[in-house]
Each structure stands twice: as structure tokens, then as C-alpha cells.
Protein backbone atom coordinates (compact mmCIF):
# COMPACT_ATOMS: atom_id res chain seq x y z
CA UNK A 1 175.34 47.86 85.34
CA UNK A 2 173.40 49.20 82.37
CA UNK A 3 173.28 52.80 81.19
CA UNK A 4 170.40 54.89 79.90
CA UNK A 5 171.74 57.75 77.76
CA UNK A 6 169.34 60.68 77.88
CA UNK A 7 169.32 63.83 75.75
CA UNK A 8 171.89 65.22 73.36
CA UNK A 9 174.68 64.93 74.20
CA UNK A 10 173.61 61.85 76.11
CA UNK A 11 173.76 62.09 79.88
CA UNK A 12 174.66 58.65 81.25
CA UNK A 13 172.33 57.32 83.95
CA UNK A 14 173.49 54.05 85.51
CA UNK A 15 170.75 51.52 86.24
CA UNK A 16 171.18 47.84 87.07
CA UNK A 17 170.61 45.71 83.92
CA UNK A 18 167.52 43.87 85.20
CA UNK A 19 165.81 47.09 86.32
CA UNK A 20 166.78 48.80 83.05
CA UNK A 21 165.25 45.97 80.99
CA UNK A 22 161.91 46.42 82.78
CA UNK A 23 162.08 50.19 82.61
CA UNK A 24 162.84 50.03 78.87
CA UNK A 25 159.59 48.14 78.22
CA UNK A 26 157.44 50.73 80.03
CA UNK A 27 159.28 53.77 78.61
CA UNK A 28 159.18 52.40 75.05
CA UNK A 29 155.45 51.75 75.29
CA UNK A 30 154.69 55.29 76.49
CA UNK A 31 156.97 56.96 73.94
CA UNK A 32 155.52 54.84 71.11
CA UNK A 33 152.12 56.29 72.06
CA UNK A 34 153.59 59.81 71.86
CA UNK A 35 153.23 60.40 75.60
CA UNK A 36 155.51 62.64 77.68
CA UNK A 37 156.17 61.78 81.34
CA UNK A 38 158.74 61.83 84.14
CA UNK A 39 160.97 59.07 85.50
CA UNK A 40 162.20 59.32 89.10
CA UNK A 41 164.61 57.24 91.15
CA UNK A 42 166.51 57.29 94.43
CA UNK A 43 170.28 57.57 94.00
CA UNK A 44 172.19 54.33 94.62
CA UNK A 45 174.22 53.90 97.81
CA UNK A 46 177.53 54.55 96.01
CA UNK A 47 176.36 58.01 94.81
CA UNK A 48 175.62 61.19 96.76
CA UNK A 49 172.25 60.91 98.55
CA UNK A 50 169.01 62.15 97.11
CA UNK A 51 166.85 61.42 94.12
CA UNK A 52 166.54 62.50 90.50
CA UNK A 53 163.73 63.07 88.02
CA UNK A 54 163.98 63.45 84.25
CA UNK A 55 161.33 64.52 81.72
CA UNK A 56 160.92 62.13 78.80
CA UNK A 57 159.41 63.22 75.48
CA UNK A 58 159.38 61.37 72.14
CA UNK A 59 161.66 64.04 70.62
CA UNK A 60 164.43 63.66 73.25
CA UNK A 61 167.14 61.14 72.24
CA UNK A 62 167.23 58.06 74.44
CA UNK A 63 169.44 54.97 74.27
CA UNK A 64 169.65 51.88 76.48
CA UNK A 65 172.98 50.05 76.85
CA UNK A 66 173.14 46.81 78.81
CA UNK A 67 176.25 45.33 80.41
CA UNK A 68 175.08 41.76 79.81
CA UNK A 69 174.48 40.31 76.35
CA UNK A 70 171.48 38.21 77.41
CA UNK A 71 168.11 39.77 78.23
CA UNK A 72 167.03 38.85 81.76
CA UNK A 73 163.76 37.04 82.34
CA UNK A 74 161.11 39.73 82.74
CA UNK A 75 158.62 39.95 85.59
CA UNK A 76 155.11 40.81 84.44
CA UNK A 77 154.29 42.04 87.97
CA UNK A 78 157.22 44.48 88.01
CA UNK A 79 156.33 45.80 84.53
CA UNK A 80 152.72 46.29 85.65
CA UNK A 81 153.83 48.15 88.80
CA UNK A 82 156.10 50.45 86.77
CA UNK A 83 153.37 50.98 84.16
CA UNK A 84 150.86 51.81 86.88
CA UNK A 85 153.16 54.51 88.26
CA UNK A 86 153.67 55.75 84.68
CA UNK A 87 149.97 56.60 84.45
CA UNK A 88 150.05 58.65 87.66
CA UNK A 89 150.65 62.40 87.81
CA UNK A 90 154.04 61.69 89.40
CA UNK A 91 155.27 59.64 86.44
CA UNK A 92 157.32 56.46 86.56
CA UNK A 93 158.94 55.78 89.89
CA UNK A 94 161.74 53.25 89.55
CA UNK A 95 160.89 50.87 92.37
CA UNK A 96 162.57 47.68 93.52
CA UNK A 97 161.30 44.39 92.21
CA UNK A 98 158.99 42.49 94.56
CA UNK A 99 159.67 38.78 94.57
CA UNK A 100 156.87 36.35 95.22
CA UNK A 101 157.49 33.87 98.01
CA UNK A 102 157.43 30.16 97.35
CA UNK A 103 154.19 29.87 99.35
CA UNK A 104 152.26 32.27 97.06
């Protein structure tokens, strides 16, 4: 389980390593462009129900910490889906990865 530390002092937000790796790519791209946006997610099953949203701005401290030492193989499709939501008025919505079937 990876952690995204947000703000100062850093609030720890737990996100599975593979999802965090994909989210990091999209967030870094938007912040590098100087863009502000929101990130929303549904709380995991082991946390109280509901969802959360945070506002990201280039001036707010942000750090990504991964449990695993190796970077997972990235899915271009998942990055594109996250990036597409990033350009919407609702901001990035952390969605589950969609796996292609063997017949595709």
C-alpha cells in the first residue's frame, strides 16, 4: 500500500501502489503545467464509507511513497482515462483499472 502525503504537515492518504503510480503520472503532468485541480476517490472497504476530494495546487507540498521498490508496469489506457477525468470540471476521479480481455 502506497501513501500520498498531502499538505504541510503531510496528511497520509493510502492508495494501492499500482494505482498510485498511475495517479502520480497524471498529477505530476498537471502540476508541472501549473494547473490546479481536484482528486476524488471512494474510501476503501476497510475504512468508513464515503468518498473524499482534495484540491491540488502547485504550491501545496505533495509526496508519493511506494511500498514496493520496483515500479509496476504502467497501463497507457488507465493513464489516459485518469487524464481525461483530470480535464473535466470534476477533476481526477481515481477509478479502477480496466483490464483488456485476451480476445481484444
